[in-house]
Amino acid sequence: MEFIKVLWNNFDEVFILGVVWLRQMEICQKLLSFEEKPAQTLVYFITIEDTADKDDGICCENYGVGVTVAESGETALVSNVTFSQTDILILADLLASHLVTPTTMQDVISDWLCS
């Protein structure tokens, strides 16, 4: 599989040639600080994945969400969470409001999907 990464119009786009078109958009950054540890910057983003069926001519977008610790590069990403733009923005806001880290993100999203 061949990957091409392009920065364009506030989207970080990754083209997986012949399969999927994936865009990533930063939602916000939050500062997480503890008394004993240095502060960490949490970067929250959504992913938009365009998929198409060449035979049927059907094209759709599905959305995922992720968080990165800027200082260490630790990242968690859950793709294909929903087809709803509104729902993914609500989820991203929930994650950022509660300072969810890459370590706990998968559990929080699983609980959100089951509610």
Protein backbone atom coordinates (compact mmCIF):
# COMPACT_ATOMS: atom_id res chain seq x y z
CA MET A 1 0.00 0.00 0.00
CA GLU A 2 1.33 3.45 -0.90
CA PHE A 3 0.77 6.45 1.37
CA ILE A 4 0.95 10.14 0.44
CA LYS A 5 0.56 12.80 3.14
CA VAL A 6 -0.46 16.37 2.20
CA LEU A 7 -1.23 19.43 4.34
CA TRP A 8 -4.06 21.41 2.77
CA ASN A 9 -6.70 23.83 4.06
CA ASN A 10 -6.43 22.91 7.78
CA PHE A 11 -6.76 19.22 6.97
CA ASP A 12 -4.01 16.69 7.23
CA GLU A 13 -4.86 14.41 4.33
CA VAL A 14 -3.59 10.91 3.87
CA PHE A 15 -4.29 9.22 0.59
CA ILE A 16 -4.10 5.45 0.69
CA LEU A 17 -3.96 4.95 -3.03
CA GLY A 18 -6.75 2.84 -4.48
CA VAL A 19 -8.51 2.26 -1.15
CA VAL A 20 -9.51 5.21 1.06
CA TRP A 21 -9.13 8.96 1.34
CA LEU A 22 -8.50 9.92 4.98
CA ARG A 23 -8.56 13.49 6.28
CA GLN A 24 -7.66 14.59 9.77
CA MET A 25 -8.80 17.86 11.33
CA GLU A 26 -7.57 19.24 14.65
CA ILE A 27 -10.43 20.21 16.96
CA CYS A 28 -8.59 21.72 19.93
CA GLN A 29 -5.62 21.56 22.27
CA LYS A 30 -5.82 21.25 26.05
CA LEU A 31 -3.08 21.59 28.65
CA LEU A 32 -2.95 18.77 31.20
CA SER A 33 -0.82 19.44 34.26
CA PHE A 34 -0.06 17.51 37.41
CA GLU A 35 1.81 18.70 40.47
CA GLU A 36 4.58 16.08 40.17
CA LYS A 37 4.85 15.82 36.37
CA PRO A 38 5.54 18.31 33.57
CA ALA A 39 2.52 19.68 31.71
CA GLN A 40 1.35 17.85 28.60
CA THR A 41 -0.50 19.22 25.59
CA LEU A 42 -3.40 17.02 24.45
CA VAL A 43 -4.31 17.52 20.78
CA TYR A 44 -7.81 16.31 19.84
CA PHE A 45 -8.75 15.62 16.23
CA ILE A 46 -11.39 13.99 14.10
CA THR A 47 -10.79 11.84 11.06
CA ILE A 48 -12.96 11.82 7.96
CA GLU A 49 -12.71 8.75 5.80
CA ASP A 50 -14.20 8.81 2.31
CA THR A 51 -15.08 5.41 1.00
CA ALA A 52 -16.54 4.58 -2.36
CA ASP A 53 -17.91 1.49 -4.04
CA LYS A 54 -16.88 1.72 -7.68
CA ASP A 55 -19.43 -0.89 -8.77
CA ASP A 56 -22.44 0.82 -7.15
CA GLY A 57 -21.18 4.40 -7.40
CA ILE A 58 -21.91 4.93 -3.70
CA CYS A 59 -19.68 7.31 -1.73
CA CYS A 60 -19.93 8.07 1.98
CA GLU A 61 -17.98 9.63 4.82
CA ASN A 62 -17.42 8.00 8.18
CA TYR A 63 -15.83 9.69 11.14
CA GLY A 64 -13.34 8.78 13.82
CA VAL A 65 -11.64 10.60 16.65
CA GLY A 66 -8.18 10.70 18.17
CA VAL A 67 -5.92 12.34 20.71
CA THR A 68 -2.16 12.90 20.70
CA VAL A 69 0.18 13.94 23.50
CA ALA A 70 2.22 16.58 21.68
CA GLU A 71 5.34 16.22 23.81
CA SER A 72 5.70 12.43 23.47
CA GLY A 73 3.80 11.71 20.26
CA GLU A 74 1.66 9.09 22.02
CA THR A 75 -1.53 8.79 19.96
CA ALA A 76 -4.79 6.90 20.16
CA LEU A 77 -7.17 6.80 17.20
CA VAL A 78 -10.53 5.10 16.80
CA SER A 79 -11.82 5.19 13.23
CA ASN A 80 -15.26 4.38 11.85
CA VAL A 81 -17.10 5.54 14.97
CA THR A 82 -20.10 7.11 13.21
CA PHE A 83 -21.49 8.41 9.93
CA SER A 84 -22.87 11.49 11.72
CA GLN A 85 -20.96 14.80 11.65
CA THR A 86 -22.94 16.02 14.64
CA ASP A 87 -22.24 12.92 16.73
CA ILE A 88 -18.49 12.96 16.11
CA LEU A 89 -18.26 16.63 17.09
CA ILE A 90 -20.22 15.92 20.28
CA LEU A 91 -17.87 13.03 21.07
CA ALA A 92 -14.74 15.10 20.36
CA ASP A 93 -16.04 17.86 22.65
CA LEU A 94 -16.75 15.28 25.36
CA LEU A 95 -13.23 13.86 25.12
CA ALA A 96 -11.61 17.31 25.24
CA SER A 97 -13.85 18.59 28.05
CA HIS A 98 -12.89 15.63 30.24
CA LEU A 99 -9.17 15.67 29.26
CA VAL A 100 -9.29 12.09 28.02
CA THR A 101 -5.79 10.78 27.31
CA PRO A 102 -4.65 8.25 24.68
CA THR A 103 -4.49 5.60 27.42
CA THR A 104 -8.19 5.85 28.31
CA MET A 105 -9.74 7.00 25.05
CA GLN A 106 -10.75 3.57 23.71
CA ASP A 107 -12.68 2.74 26.91
CA VAL A 108 -14.44 6.12 26.94
CA ILE A 109 -15.52 5.73 23.29
CA SER A 110 -16.73 2.16 23.91
CA ASP A 111 -18.86 3.40 26.80
CA TRP A 112 -20.18 6.30 24.69
CA LEU A 113 -21.14 3.95 21.85
CA CYS A 114 -22.98 1.63 24.27
CA SER A 115 -24.97 4.44 25.91
